[in-house]
PDB file of all heavy atoms in Angstrom:
ATOM      1  N   TRP A   1       4.625  -5.382  -8.385  1.00  0.00           N
ATOM      2  CA  TRP A   1       3.222  -5.681  -8.513  1.00  0.00           C
ATOM      3  C   TRP A   1       2.816  -7.036  -7.969  1.00  0.00           C
ATOM      4  O   TRP A   1       1.699  -7.298  -7.572  1.00  0.00           O
ATOM      5  CB  TRP A   1       2.784  -5.550  -9.952  1.00  0.00           C
ATOM      6  CG  TRP A   1       2.602  -4.190 -10.369  1.00  0.00           C
ATOM      7  CD1 TRP A   1       3.474  -3.400 -11.128  1.00  0.00           C
ATOM      8  CD2 TRP A   1       1.615  -3.250  -9.897  1.00  0.00           C
ATOM      9  NE1 TRP A   1       3.056  -2.058 -11.164  1.00  0.00           N
ATOM     10  CE2 TRP A   1       1.908  -1.984 -10.460  1.00  0.00           C
ATOM     11  CE3 TRP A   1       0.464  -3.395  -9.081  1.00  0.00           C
ATOM     12  CZ2 TRP A   1       1.146  -0.849 -10.209  1.00  0.00           C
ATOM     13  CZ3 TRP A   1      -0.301  -2.283  -8.825  1.00  0.00           C
ATOM     14  CH2 TRP A   1       0.042  -1.004  -9.434  1.00  0.00           C
ATOM     15  N   LYS A   2       3.698  -8.027  -7.951  1.00  0.00           N
ATOM     16  CA  LYS A   2       3.320  -9.353  -7.448  1.00  0.00           C
ATOM     17  C   LYS A   2       2.945  -9.288  -5.954  1.00  0.00           C
ATOM     18  O   LYS A   2       1.851  -9.723  -5.568  1.00  0.00           O
ATOM     19  CB  LYS A   2       4.485 -10.328  -7.669  1.00  0.00           C
ATOM     20  CG  LYS A   2       4.049 -11.764  -7.291  1.00  0.00           C
ATOM     21  CD  LYS A   2       5.157 -12.779  -7.694  1.00  0.00           C
ATOM     22  CE  LYS A   2       4.721 -14.216  -7.360  1.00  0.00           C
ATOM     23  NZ  LYS A   2       5.754 -15.147  -7.758  1.00  0.00           N
ATOM     24  N   PRO A   3       3.789  -8.718  -5.103  1.00  0.00           N
ATOM     25  CA  PRO A   3       3.372  -8.622  -3.661  1.00  0.00           C
ATOM     26  C   PRO A   3       2.314  -7.538  -3.458  1.00  0.00           C
ATOM     27  O   PRO A   3       1.428  -7.669  -2.592  1.00  0.00           O
ATOM     28  CB  PRO A   3       4.645  -8.262  -2.949  1.00  0.00           C
ATOM     29  CG  PRO A   3       5.517  -7.629  -3.954  1.00  0.00           C
ATOM     30  CD  PRO A   3       5.199  -8.298  -5.226  1.00  0.00           C
ATOM     31  N   THR A   4       2.330  -6.455  -4.275  1.00  0.00           N
ATOM     32  CA  THR A   4       1.333  -5.407  -4.118  1.00  0.00           C
ATOM     33  C   THR A   4      -0.038  -5.943  -4.428  1.00  0.00           C
ATOM     34  O   THR A   4      -1.004  -5.527  -3.783  1.00  0.00           O
ATOM     35  CB  THR A   4       1.692  -4.210  -5.110  1.00  0.00           C
ATOM     36  OG1 THR A   4       2.904  -3.628  -4.725  1.00  0.00           O
ATOM     37  CG2 THR A   4       0.593  -3.148  -5.055  1.00  0.00           C
ATOM     38  N   SER A   5      -0.190  -6.789  -5.392  1.00  0.00           N
ATOM     39  CA  SER A   5      -1.483  -7.336  -5.736  1.00  0.00           C
ATOM     40  C   SER A   5      -2.159  -8.091  -4.565  1.00  0.00           C
ATOM     41  O   SER A   5      -3.356  -8.068  -4.403  1.00  0.00           O
ATOM     42  CB  SER A   5      -1.362  -8.282  -6.948  1.00  0.00           C
ATOM     43  OG  SER A   5      -0.575  -9.370  -6.633  1.00  0.00           O
ATOM     44  N   LYS A   6      -1.291  -8.713  -3.718  1.00  0.00           N
ATOM     45  CA  LYS A   6      -1.766  -9.376  -2.587  1.00  0.00           C
ATOM     46  C   LYS A   6      -2.388  -8.425  -1.587  1.00  0.00           C
ATOM     47  O   LYS A   6      -3.406  -8.666  -0.923  1.00  0.00           O
ATOM     48  CB  LYS A   6      -0.749 -10.298  -1.937  1.00  0.00           C
ATOM     49  CG  LYS A   6      -0.210 -11.367  -2.838  1.00  0.00           C
ATOM     50  CD  LYS A   6       0.856 -12.223  -2.103  1.00  0.00           C
ATOM     51  CE  LYS A   6       1.345 -13.338  -2.985  1.00  0.00           C
ATOM     52  NZ  LYS A   6       2.411 -14.143  -2.405  1.00  0.00           N
ATOM     53  N   VAL A   7      -1.684  -7.288  -1.373  1.00  0.00           N
ATOM     54  CA  VAL A   7      -2.163  -6.237  -0.455  1.00  0.00           C
ATOM     55  C   VAL A   7      -3.460  -5.648  -0.953  1.00  0.00           C
ATOM     56  O   VAL A   7      -4.454  -5.410  -0.241  1.00  0.00           O
ATOM     57  CB  VAL A   7      -1.085  -5.180  -0.274  1.00  0.00           C
ATOM     58  CG1 VAL A   7      -1.663  -4.028   0.618  1.00  0.00           C
ATOM     59  CG2 VAL A   7       0.176  -5.772   0.355  1.00  0.00           C
ATOM     60  N   ILE A   8      -3.511  -5.346  -2.268  1.00  0.00           N
ATOM     61  CA  ILE A   8      -4.705  -4.780  -2.866  1.00  0.00           C
ATOM     62  C   ILE A   8      -5.876  -5.765  -2.746  1.00  0.00           C
ATOM     63  O   ILE A   8      -6.979  -5.339  -2.399  1.00  0.00           O
ATOM     64  CB  ILE A   8      -4.472  -4.501  -4.392  1.00  0.00           C
ATOM     65  CG1 ILE A   8      -3.421  -3.307  -4.469  1.00  0.00           C
ATOM     66  CG2 ILE A   8      -5.731  -4.106  -5.063  1.00  0.00           C
ATOM     67  CD1 ILE A   8      -3.101  -2.958  -5.905  1.00  0.00           C
ATOM     68  N   GLU A   9      -5.637  -7.039  -3.009  1.00  0.00           N
ATOM     69  CA  GLU A   9      -6.694  -8.028  -2.841  1.00  0.00           C
ATOM     70  C   GLU A   9      -7.216  -8.126  -1.441  1.00  0.00           C
ATOM     71  O   GLU A   9      -8.476  -8.188  -1.237  1.00  0.00           O
ATOM     72  CB  GLU A   9      -6.132  -9.440  -3.334  1.00  0.00           C
ATOM     73  CG  GLU A   9      -7.181 -10.507  -3.295  1.00  0.00           C
ATOM     74  CD  GLU A   9      -6.590 -11.837  -3.732  1.00  0.00           C
ATOM     75  OE1 GLU A   9      -5.473 -11.866  -4.295  1.00  0.00           O
ATOM     76  OE2 GLU A   9      -7.284 -12.857  -3.494  1.00  0.00           O
ATOM     77  N   LEU A  10      -6.293  -8.040  -0.491  1.00  0.00           N
ATOM     78  CA  LEU A  10      -6.713  -8.080   0.918  1.00  0.00           C
ATOM     79  C   LEU A  10      -7.548  -6.844   1.256  1.00  0.00           C
ATOM     80  O   LEU A  10      -8.580  -6.891   1.913  1.00  0.00           O
ATOM     81  CB  LEU A  10      -5.534  -8.143   1.810  1.00  0.00           C
ATOM     82  CG  LEU A  10      -5.803  -8.140   3.328  1.00  0.00           C
ATOM     83  CD1 LEU A  10      -6.516  -9.395   3.762  1.00  0.00           C
ATOM     84  CD2 LEU A  10      -4.489  -8.037   4.100  1.00  0.00           C
ATOM     85  N   SER A  11      -7.145  -5.676   0.788  1.00  0.00           N
ATOM     86  CA  SER A  11      -7.876  -4.426   1.010  1.00  0.00           C
ATOM     87  C   SER A  11      -9.254  -4.437   0.354  1.00  0.00           C
ATOM     88  O   SER A  11     -10.207  -3.931   0.960  1.00  0.00           O
ATOM     89  CB  SER A  11      -7.072  -3.221   0.456  1.00  0.00           C
ATOM     90  OG  SER A  11      -7.806  -2.017   0.612  1.00  0.00           O
ATOM     91  N   GLN A  12      -9.357  -5.097  -0.816  1.00  0.00           N
ATOM     92  CA  GLN A  12     -10.645  -5.182  -1.466  1.00  0.00           C
ATOM     93  C   GLN A  12     -11.623  -6.098  -0.682  1.00  0.00           C
ATOM     94  O   GLN A  12     -12.828  -5.872  -0.659  1.00  0.00           O
ATOM     95  CB  GLN A  12     -10.480  -5.738  -2.880  1.00  0.00           C
ATOM     96  CG  GLN A  12      -9.803  -4.742  -3.805  1.00  0.00           C
ATOM     97  CD  GLN A  12      -9.453  -5.338  -5.163  1.00  0.00           C
ATOM     98  OE1 GLN A  12      -9.310  -6.561  -5.340  1.00  0.00           O
ATOM     99  NE2 GLN A  12      -9.330  -4.514  -6.167  1.00  0.00           N
ATOM    100  N   GLU A  13     -11.041  -7.122  -0.012  1.00  0.00           N
ATOM    101  CA  GLU A  13     -11.879  -8.030   0.738  1.00  0.00           C
ATOM    102  C   GLU A  13     -12.286  -7.489   2.083  1.00  0.00           C
ATOM    103  O   GLU A  13     -13.253  -7.856   2.705  1.00  0.00           O
ATOM    104  CB  GLU A  13     -11.162  -9.374   0.920  1.00  0.00           C
ATOM    105  CG  GLU A  13     -10.902 -10.150  -0.326  1.00  0.00           C
ATOM    106  CD  GLU A  13     -10.063 -11.342  -0.167  1.00  0.00           C
ATOM    107  OE1 GLU A  13      -9.533 -11.540   1.046  1.00  0.00           O
ATOM    108  OE2 GLU A  13      -9.814 -12.112  -1.081  1.00  0.00           O
ATOM    109  N   CYS A  14     -11.448  -6.493   2.594  1.00  0.00           N
ATOM    110  CA  CYS A  14     -11.713  -5.931   3.909  1.00  0.00           C
ATOM    111  C   CYS A  14     -12.703  -4.770   3.834  1.00  0.00           C
ATOM    112  O   CYS A  14     -12.571  -3.921   2.999  1.00  0.00           O
ATOM    113  CB  CYS A  14     -10.333  -5.431   4.487  1.00  0.00           C
ATOM    114  SG  CYS A  14     -10.555  -4.705   6.134  1.00  0.00           S
ATOM    115  N   PRO A  15     -13.733  -4.755   4.696  1.00  0.00           N
ATOM    116  CA  PRO A  15     -14.704  -3.684   4.614  1.00  0.00           C
ATOM    117  C   PRO A  15     -14.205  -2.382   5.292  1.00  0.00           C
ATOM    118  O   PRO A  15     -14.919  -1.411   5.281  1.00  0.00           O
ATOM    119  CB  PRO A  15     -15.869  -4.316   5.406  1.00  0.00           C
ATOM    120  CG  PRO A  15     -15.236  -5.181   6.431  1.00  0.00           C
ATOM    121  CD  PRO A  15     -14.092  -5.796   5.686  1.00  0.00           C
ATOM    122  N   LEU A  16     -12.940  -2.448   5.756  1.00  0.00           N
ATOM    123  CA  LEU A  16     -12.438  -1.212   6.484  1.00  0.00           C
ATOM    124  C   LEU A  16     -11.235  -0.650   5.748  1.00  0.00           C
ATOM    125  O   LEU A  16     -10.508  -1.397   5.010  1.00  0.00           O
ATOM    126  CB  LEU A  16     -12.045  -1.591   7.895  1.00  0.00           C
ATOM    127  CG  LEU A  16     -13.105  -2.181   8.781  1.00  0.00           C
ATOM    128  CD1 LEU A  16     -12.485  -2.686  10.091  1.00  0.00           C
ATOM    129  CD2 LEU A  16     -14.213  -1.190   9.044  1.00  0.00           C
ATOM    130  N   PRO A  17     -10.965   0.650   5.890  1.00  0.00           N
ATOM    131  CA  PRO A  17      -9.702   1.213   5.386  1.00  0.00           C
ATOM    132  C   PRO A  17      -8.522   0.546   6.092  1.00  0.00           C
ATOM    133  O   PRO A  17      -8.601   0.135   7.216  1.00  0.00           O
ATOM    134  CB  PRO A  17      -9.783   2.699   5.776  1.00  0.00           C
ATOM    135  CG  PRO A  17     -11.274   2.951   5.970  1.00  0.00           C
ATOM    136  CD  PRO A  17     -11.789   1.657   6.527  1.00  0.00           C
ATOM    137  N   ILE A  18      -7.374   0.493   5.406  1.00  0.00           N
ATOM    138  CA  ILE A  18      -6.178  -0.104   5.927  1.00  0.00           C
ATOM    139  C   ILE A  18      -4.997   0.861   5.802  1.00  0.00           C
ATOM    140  O   ILE A  18      -4.736   1.473   4.750  1.00  0.00           O
ATOM    141  CB  ILE A  18      -5.798  -1.408   5.182  1.00  0.00           C
ATOM    142  CG1 ILE A  18      -6.865  -2.454   5.284  1.00  0.00           C
ATOM    143  CG2 ILE A  18      -4.489  -1.973   5.700  1.00  0.00           C
ATOM    144  CD1 ILE A  18      -6.622  -3.777   4.546  1.00  0.00           C
ATOM    145  N   VAL A  19      -4.263   1.047   6.892  1.00  0.00           N
ATOM    146  CA  VAL A  19      -3.044   1.820   6.917  1.00  0.00           C
ATOM    147  C   VAL A  19      -1.875   0.866   6.833  1.00  0.00           C
ATOM    148  O   VAL A  19      -1.677   0.005   7.624  1.00  0.00           O
ATOM    149  CB  VAL A  19      -2.920   2.648   8.221  1.00  0.00           C
ATOM    150  CG1 VAL A  19      -1.624   3.432   8.245  1.00  0.00           C
ATOM    151  CG2 VAL A  19      -4.104   3.610   8.392  1.00  0.00           C
ATOM    152  N   VAL A  20      -1.099   1.046   5.764  1.00  0.00           N
ATOM    153  CA  VAL A  20       0.005   0.111   5.500  1.00  0.00           C
ATOM    154  C   VAL A  20       1.192   0.950   4.984  1.00  0.00           C
ATOM    155  O   VAL A  20       1.016   1.884   4.216  1.00  0.00           O
ATOM    156  CB  VAL A  20      -0.404  -0.940   4.483  1.00  0.00           C
ATOM    157  CG1 VAL A  20      -0.926  -0.363   3.237  1.00  0.00           C
ATOM    158  CG2 VAL A  20       0.735  -1.903   4.213  1.00  0.00           C
ATOM    159  N   GLY A  21       2.391   0.574   5.399  1.00  0.00           N
ATOM    160  CA  GLY A  21       3.563   1.355   5.012  1.00  0.00           C
ATOM    161  C   GLY A  21       4.766   0.617   4.585  1.00  0.00           C
ATOM    162  O   GLY A  21       4.848  -0.636   4.695  1.00  0.00           O
ATOM    163  N   GLY A  22       5.717   1.311   4.089  1.00  0.00           N
ATOM    164  CA  GLY A  22       7.030   0.766   3.690  1.00  0.00           C
ATOM    165  C   GLY A  22       7.800   1.826   2.946  1.00  0.00           C
ATOM    166  O   GLY A  22       7.413   2.998   2.925  1.00  0.00           O
ATOM    167  N   ALA A  23       8.920   1.447   2.354  1.00  0.00           N
ATOM    168  CA  ALA A  23       9.726   2.401   1.600  1.00  0.00           C
ATOM    169  C   ALA A  23       9.081   2.722   0.266  1.00  0.00           C
ATOM    170  O   ALA A  23       8.436   1.838  -0.360  1.00  0.00           O
ATOM    171  CB  ALA A  23      11.105   1.844   1.373  1.00  0.00           C
ATOM    172  N   ALA A  24       9.183   3.967  -0.137  1.00  0.00           N
ATOM    173  CA  ALA A  24       8.672   4.390  -1.416  1.00  0.00           C
ATOM    174  C   ALA A  24       9.719   5.035  -2.235  1.00  0.00           C
ATOM    175  O   ALA A  24      10.670   5.641  -1.653  1.00  0.00           O
ATOM    176  CB  ALA A  24       7.517   5.383  -1.245  1.00  0.00           C
ATOM    177  N   TYR A  25       9.710   4.928  -3.546  1.00  0.00           N
ATOM    178  CA  TYR A  25      10.741   5.496  -4.436  1.00  0.00           C
ATOM    179  C   TYR A  25      10.039   6.326  -5.542  1.00  0.00           C
ATOM    180  O   TYR A  25       9.173   5.843  -6.260  1.00  0.00           O
ATOM    181  CB  TYR A  25      11.543   4.383  -5.090  1.00  0.00           C
ATOM    182  CG  TYR A  25      12.584   4.941  -6.043  1.00  0.00           C
ATOM    183  CD1 TYR A  25      13.767   5.481  -5.567  1.00  0.00           C
ATOM    184  CD2 TYR A  25      12.408   4.832  -7.473  1.00  0.00           C
ATOM    185  CE1 TYR A  25      14.781   5.901  -6.438  1.00  0.00           C
ATOM    186  CE2 TYR A  25      13.363   5.339  -8.287  1.00  0.00           C
ATOM    187  CZ  TYR A  25      14.562   5.819  -7.820  1.00  0.00           C
ATOM    188  OH  TYR A  25      15.513   6.298  -8.666  1.00  0.00           O
ATOM    189  N   GLU A  26      10.369   7.629  -5.547  1.00  0.00           N
ATOM    190  CA  GLU A  26       9.815   8.522  -6.582  1.00  0.00           C
ATOM    191  C   GLU A  26      10.821   9.613  -6.938  1.00  0.00           C
ATOM    192  O   GLU A  26      11.506  10.171  -6.048  1.00  0.00           O
ATOM    193  CB  GLU A  26       8.530   9.276  -5.985  1.00  0.00           C
ATOM    194  CG  GLU A  26       7.348   8.370  -5.928  1.00  0.00           C
ATOM    195  CD  GLU A  26       6.093   9.155  -5.451  1.00  0.00           C
ATOM    196  OE1 GLU A  26       6.204  10.415  -5.330  1.00  0.00           O
ATOM    197  OE2 GLU A  26       5.068   8.539  -5.248  1.00  0.00           O
ATOM    198  N   ASP A  27      10.965   9.854  -8.191  1.00  0.00           N
ATOM    199  CA  ASP A  27      11.807  10.936  -8.720  1.00  0.00           C
ATOM    200  C   ASP A  27      13.287  10.843  -8.156  1.00  0.00           C
ATOM    201  O   ASP A  27      13.854  11.832  -7.777  1.00  0.00           O
ATOM    202  CB  ASP A  27      11.241  12.356  -8.398  1.00  0.00           C
ATOM    203  CG  ASP A  27       9.864  12.483  -8.950  1.00  0.00           C
ATOM    204  OD1 ASP A  27       9.606  11.995 -10.037  1.00  0.00           O
ATOM    205  OD2 ASP A  27       8.998  13.124  -8.315  1.00  0.00           O
ATOM    206  N   GLY A  28      13.744   9.660  -8.069  1.00  0.00           N
ATOM    207  CA  GLY A  28      15.139   9.455  -7.619  1.00  0.00           C
ATOM    208  C   GLY A  28      15.316   9.565  -6.113  1.00  0.00           C
ATOM    209  O   GLY A  28      16.460   9.619  -5.629  1.00  0.00           O
ATOM    210  N   LYS A  29      14.205   9.619  -5.339  1.00  0.00           N
ATOM    211  CA  LYS A  29      14.303   9.790  -3.900  1.00  0.00           C
ATOM    212  C   LYS A  29      13.540   8.592  -3.209  1.00  0.00           C
ATOM    213  O   LYS A  29      12.605   8.089  -3.730  1.00  0.00           O
ATOM    214  CB  LYS A  29      13.694  11.118  -3.455  1.00  0.00           C
ATOM    215  CG  LYS A  29      14.403  12.365  -3.955  1.00  0.00           C
ATOM    216  CD  LYS A  29      13.756  13.550  -3.444  1.00  0.00           C
ATOM    217  CE  LYS A  29      14.437  14.822  -3.949  1.00  0.00           C
ATOM    218  NZ  LYS A  29      13.789  16.078  -3.454  1.00  0.00           N
ATOM    219  N   TYR A  30      14.017   8.275  -1.995  1.00  0.00           N
ATOM    220  CA  TYR A  30      13.386   7.275  -1.194  1.00  0.00           C
ATOM    221  C   TYR A  30      12.653   7.939  -0.008  1.00  0.00           C
ATOM    222  O   TYR A  30      13.210   8.885   0.533  1.00  0.00           O
ATOM    223  CB  TYR A  30      14.432   6.267  -0.652  1.00  0.00           C
ATOM    224  CG  TYR A  30      15.151   5.492  -1.707  1.00  0.00           C
ATOM    225  CD1 TYR A  30      16.364   5.916  -2.231  1.00  0.00           C
ATOM    226  CD2 TYR A  30      14.615   4.294  -2.152  1.00  0.00           C
ATOM    227  CE1 TYR A  30      17.005   5.206  -3.239  1.00  0.00           C
ATOM    228  CE2 TYR A  30      15.260   3.577  -3.143  1.00  0.00           C
ATOM    229  CZ  TYR A  30      16.507   4.038  -3.677  1.00  0.00           C
ATOM    230  OH  TYR A  30      17.115   3.313  -4.679  1.00  0.00           O
ATOM    231  N   PHE A  31      11.498   7.420   0.332  1.00  0.00           N
ATOM    232  CA  PHE A  31      10.696   7.971   1.405  1.00  0.00           C
ATOM    233  C   PHE A  31      10.230   6.837   2.327  1.00  0.00           C
ATOM    234  O   PHE A  31       9.984   5.736   1.878  1.00  0.00           O
ATOM    235  CB  PHE A  31       9.451   8.696   0.877  1.00  0.00           C
ATOM    236  CG  PHE A  31       9.793   9.847  -0.041  1.00  0.00           C
ATOM    237  CD1 PHE A  31       9.838   9.701  -1.456  1.00  0.00           C
ATOM    238  CD2 PHE A  31      10.089  11.106   0.502  1.00  0.00           C
ATOM    239  CE1 PHE A  31      10.147  10.736  -2.240  1.00  0.00           C
ATOM    240  CE2 PHE A  31      10.426  12.180  -0.304  1.00  0.00           C
ATOM    241  CZ  PHE A  31      10.385  11.992  -1.709  1.00  0.00           C
ATOM    242  N   ASN A  32      10.062   7.168   3.591  1.00  0.00           N
ATOM    243  CA  ASN A  32       9.443   6.289   4.559  1.00  0.00           C
ATOM    244  C   ASN A  32       7.950   6.650   4.561  1.00  0.00           C
ATOM    245  O   ASN A  32       7.590   7.703   5.062  1.00  0.00           O
ATOM    246  CB  ASN A  32      10.061   6.449   5.994  1.00  0.00           C
ATOM    247  CG  ASN A  32       9.531   5.407   6.906  1.00  0.00           C
ATOM    248  OD1 ASN A  32       8.538   4.733   6.722  1.00  0.00           O
ATOM    249  ND2 ASN A  32      10.207   5.281   8.102  1.00  0.00           N
ATOM    250  N   ARG A  33       7.105   5.845   4.033  1.00  0.00           N
ATOM    251  CA  ARG A  33       5.698   6.218   3.699  1.00  0.00           C
ATOM    252  C   ARG A  33       4.626   5.289   4.345  1.00  0.00           C
ATOM    253  O   ARG A  33       4.852   4.141   4.495  1.00  0.00           O
ATOM    254  CB  ARG A  33       5.540   6.231   2.171  1.00  0.00           C
ATOM    255  CG  ARG A  33       4.135   6.512   1.639  1.00  0.00           C
ATOM    256  CD  ARG A  33       4.106   6.708   0.151  1.00  0.00           C
ATOM    257  NE  ARG A  33       4.945   7.818  -0.296  1.00  0.00           N
ATOM    258  CZ  ARG A  33       5.132   8.084  -1.583  1.00  0.00           C
ATOM    259  NH1 ARG A  33       4.588   7.404  -2.515  1.00  0.00           N
ATOM    260  NH2 ARG A  33       5.843   9.163  -1.853  1.00  0.00           N
ATOM    261  N   GLU A  34       3.507   5.941   4.667  1.00  0.00           N
ATOM    262  CA  GLU A  34       2.361   5.217   5.080  1.00  0.00           C
ATOM    263  C   GLU A  34       1.168   5.537   4.147  1.00  0.00           C
ATOM    264  O   GLU A  34       0.946   6.709   3.877  1.00  0.00           O
ATOM    265  CB  GLU A  34       1.945   5.631   6.493  1.00  0.00           C
ATOM    266  CG  GLU A  34       2.903   5.190   7.602  1.00  0.00           C
ATOM    267  CD  GLU A  34       2.905   3.705   7.850  1.00  0.00           C
ATOM    268  OE1 GLU A  34       1.875   3.063   7.531  1.00  0.00           O
ATOM    269  OE2 GLU A  34       3.876   3.178   8.303  1.00  0.00           O
ATOM    270  N   TRP A  35       0.561   4.496   3.652  1.00  0.00           N
ATOM    271  CA  TRP A  35      -0.568   4.646   2.666  1.00  0.00           C
ATOM    272  C   TRP A  35      -1.846   4.336   3.455  1.00  0.00           C
ATOM    273  O   TRP A  35      -1.911   3.550   4.369  1.00  0.00           O
ATOM    274  CB  TRP A  35      -0.486   3.612   1.588  1.00  0.00           C
ATOM    275  CG  TRP A  35       0.653   3.758   0.613  1.00  0.00           C
ATOM    276  CD1 TRP A  35       1.930   3.201   0.752  1.00  0.00           C
ATOM    277  CD2 TRP A  35       0.694   4.463  -0.607  1.00  0.00           C
ATOM    278  NE1 TRP A  35       2.692   3.559  -0.330  1.00  0.00           N
ATOM    279  CE2 TRP A  35       1.957   4.339  -1.202  1.00  0.00           C
ATOM    280  CE3 TRP A  35      -0.271   5.243  -1.304  1.00  0.00           C
ATOM    281  CZ2 TRP A  35       2.297   4.888  -2.410  1.00  0.00           C
ATOM    282  CZ3 TRP A  35       0.069   5.732  -2.477  1.00  0.00           C
ATOM    283  CH2 TRP A  35       1.347   5.642  -3.037  1.00  0.00           C
ATOM    284  N   LEU A  36      -2.931   4.991   3.005  1.00  0.00           N
ATOM    285  CA  LEU A  36      -4.295   4.676   3.413  1.00  0.00           C
ATOM    286  C   LEU A  36      -4.988   4.065   2.255  1.00  0.00           C
ATOM    287  O   LEU A  36      -5.203   4.685   1.217  1.00  0.00           O
ATOM    288  CB  LEU A  36      -5.041   5.916   3.901  1.00  0.00           C
ATOM    289  CG  LEU A  36      -6.477   5.635   4.320  1.00  0.00           C
ATOM    290  CD1 LEU A  36      -6.575   4.706   5.455  1.00  0.00           C
ATOM    291  CD2 LEU A  36      -7.221   6.951   4.650  1.00  0.00           C
ATOM    292  N   LEU A  37      -5.354   2.758   2.362  1.00  0.00           N
ATOM    293  CA  LEU A  37      -6.003   2.024   1.296  1.00  0.00           C
ATOM    294  C   LEU A  37      -7.520   1.842   1.642  1.00  0.00           C
ATOM    295  O   LEU A  37      -7.834   1.450   2.738  1.00  0.00           O
ATOM    296  CB  LEU A  37      -5.343   0.647   1.031  1.00  0.00           C
ATOM    297  CG  LEU A  37      -3.837   0.626   0.733  1.00  0.00           C
ATOM    298  CD1 LEU A  37      -3.411  -0.812   0.504  1.00  0.00           C
ATOM    299  CD2 LEU A  37      -3.544   1.542  -0.493  1.00  0.00           C
ATOM    300  N   ILE A  38      -8.387   2.116   0.684  1.00  0.00           N
ATOM    301  CA  ILE A  38      -9.802   1.916   0.821  1.00  0.00           C
ATOM    302  C   ILE A  38     -10.302   1.121  -0.349  1.00  0.00           C
ATOM    303  O   ILE A  38     -10.208   1.533  -1.520  1.00  0.00           O
ATOM    304  CB  ILE A  38     -10.544   3.223   0.944  1.00  0.00           C
ATOM    305  CG1 ILE A  38     -10.069   4.111   2.096  1.00  0.00           C
ATOM    306  CG2 ILE A  38     -12.074   3.015   1.043  1.00  0.00           C
ATOM    307  CD1 ILE A  38     -10.702   5.437   2.290  1.00  0.00           C
ATOM    308  N   SER A  39     -10.735  -0.121  -0.043  1.00  0.00           N
ATOM    309  CA  SER A  39     -11.259  -1.019  -1.089  1.00  0.00           C
ATOM    310  C   SER A  39     -10.196  -1.250  -2.180  1.00  0.00           C
ATOM    311  O   SER A  39     -10.565  -1.298  -3.383  1.00  0.00           O
ATOM    312  CB  SER A  39     -12.534  -0.473  -1.712  1.00  0.00           C
ATOM    313  OG  SER A  39     -13.605  -0.368  -0.733  1.00  0.00           O
TER     314      SER A  39
END
């Protein structure tokens, strides 16, 4: 959450959607993921 909060804050300040990616972990599995953030 510490680094995530910086990305969320930036997305909130940006008037445009942002595509941002990295590794994700769910249900014991790792994924190469791209998120679409809006506000």
